[in-house]
Amino acid sequence: MAEDKFDRGTALTIFGSDRHEDLVALVLALVIALLVYLYV
């Protein structure tokens, strides 16, 4: 019996892979944290 590919539960993404999506989220979080640090 063939294994089914893991389903993330949502197709609402603009990225082709989870790794790319996670990297972009990390960069955005760091940019936001830096802006908060500089302006507060």
C-alpha atoms as a PDB file:
ATOM      1  CA  MET A   1       0.000   0.000   0.000  1.00  0.00           C
ATOM      2  CA  ALA A   2       1.392   3.386  -0.996  1.00  0.00           C
ATOM      3  CA  GLU A   3       1.972   6.054   1.617  1.00  0.00           C
ATOM      4  CA  ASP A   4      -0.047   9.237   1.129  1.00  0.00           C
ATOM      5  CA  LYS A   5       1.778  12.551   1.133  1.00  0.00           C
ATOM      6  CA  PHE A   6       1.354  14.519   4.361  1.00  0.00           C
ATOM      7  CA  ASP A   7      -1.432  17.094   4.102  1.00  0.00           C
ATOM      8  CA  ARG A   8      -0.731  20.423   5.795  1.00  0.00           C
ATOM      9  CA  GLY A   9      -4.433  21.093   6.075  1.00  0.00           C
ATOM     10  CA  THR A  10      -4.412  24.274   4.010  1.00  0.00           C
ATOM     11  CA  ALA A  11      -3.511  25.360   0.508  1.00  0.00           C
ATOM     12  CA  LEU A  12      -3.613  29.069   1.347  1.00  0.00           C
ATOM     13  CA  THR A  13       0.031  29.853   0.692  1.00  0.00           C
ATOM     14  CA  ILE A  14       1.963  31.733  -1.961  1.00  0.00           C
ATOM     15  CA  PHE A  15       5.121  29.711  -1.390  1.00  0.00           C
ATOM     16  CA  GLY A  16       6.068  26.446  -3.021  1.00  0.00           C
ATOM     17  CA  SER A  17       7.599  24.884   0.059  1.00  0.00           C
ATOM     18  CA  ASP A  18       7.287  25.018   3.828  1.00  0.00           C
ATOM     19  CA  ARG A  19      11.000  25.794   4.182  1.00  0.00           C
ATOM     20  CA  HIS A  20      10.726  28.922   2.018  1.00  0.00           C
ATOM     21  CA  GLU A  21       7.609  30.056   3.872  1.00  0.00           C
ATOM     22  CA  ASP A  22       9.312  29.579   7.255  1.00  0.00           C
ATOM     23  CA  LEU A  23      12.406  31.487   6.111  1.00  0.00           C
ATOM     24  CA  VAL A  24      10.354  34.458   4.902  1.00  0.00           C
ATOM     25  CA  ALA A  25       8.366  34.473   8.162  1.00  0.00           C
ATOM     26  CA  LEU A  26      11.604  34.452  10.177  1.00  0.00           C
ATOM     27  CA  VAL A  27      13.060  37.355   8.194  1.00  0.00           C
ATOM     28  CA  LEU A  28       9.857  39.382   8.553  1.00  0.00           C
ATOM     29  CA  ALA A  29       9.767  38.729  12.299  1.00  0.00           C
ATOM     30  CA  LEU A  30      13.380  39.894  12.654  1.00  0.00           C
ATOM     31  CA  VAL A  31      12.689  43.053  10.636  1.00  0.00           C
ATOM     32  CA  ILE A  32       9.628  43.874  12.755  1.00  0.00           C
ATOM     33  CA  ALA A  33      11.578  43.249  15.966  1.00  0.00           C
ATOM     34  CA  LEU A  34      14.384  45.519  14.745  1.00  0.00           C
ATOM     35  CA  LEU A  35      11.933  48.302  13.839  1.00  0.00           C
ATOM     36  CA  VAL A  36      10.267  48.057  17.257  1.00  0.00           C
ATOM     37  CA  TYR A  37      13.671  48.169  18.953  1.00  0.00           C
ATOM     38  CA  LEU A  38      14.755  51.237  16.989  1.00  0.00           C
ATOM     39  CA  TYR A  39      11.573  53.299  17.244  1.00  0.00           C
ATOM     40  CA  VAL A  40      10.307  52.528  20.750  1.00  0.00           C
END
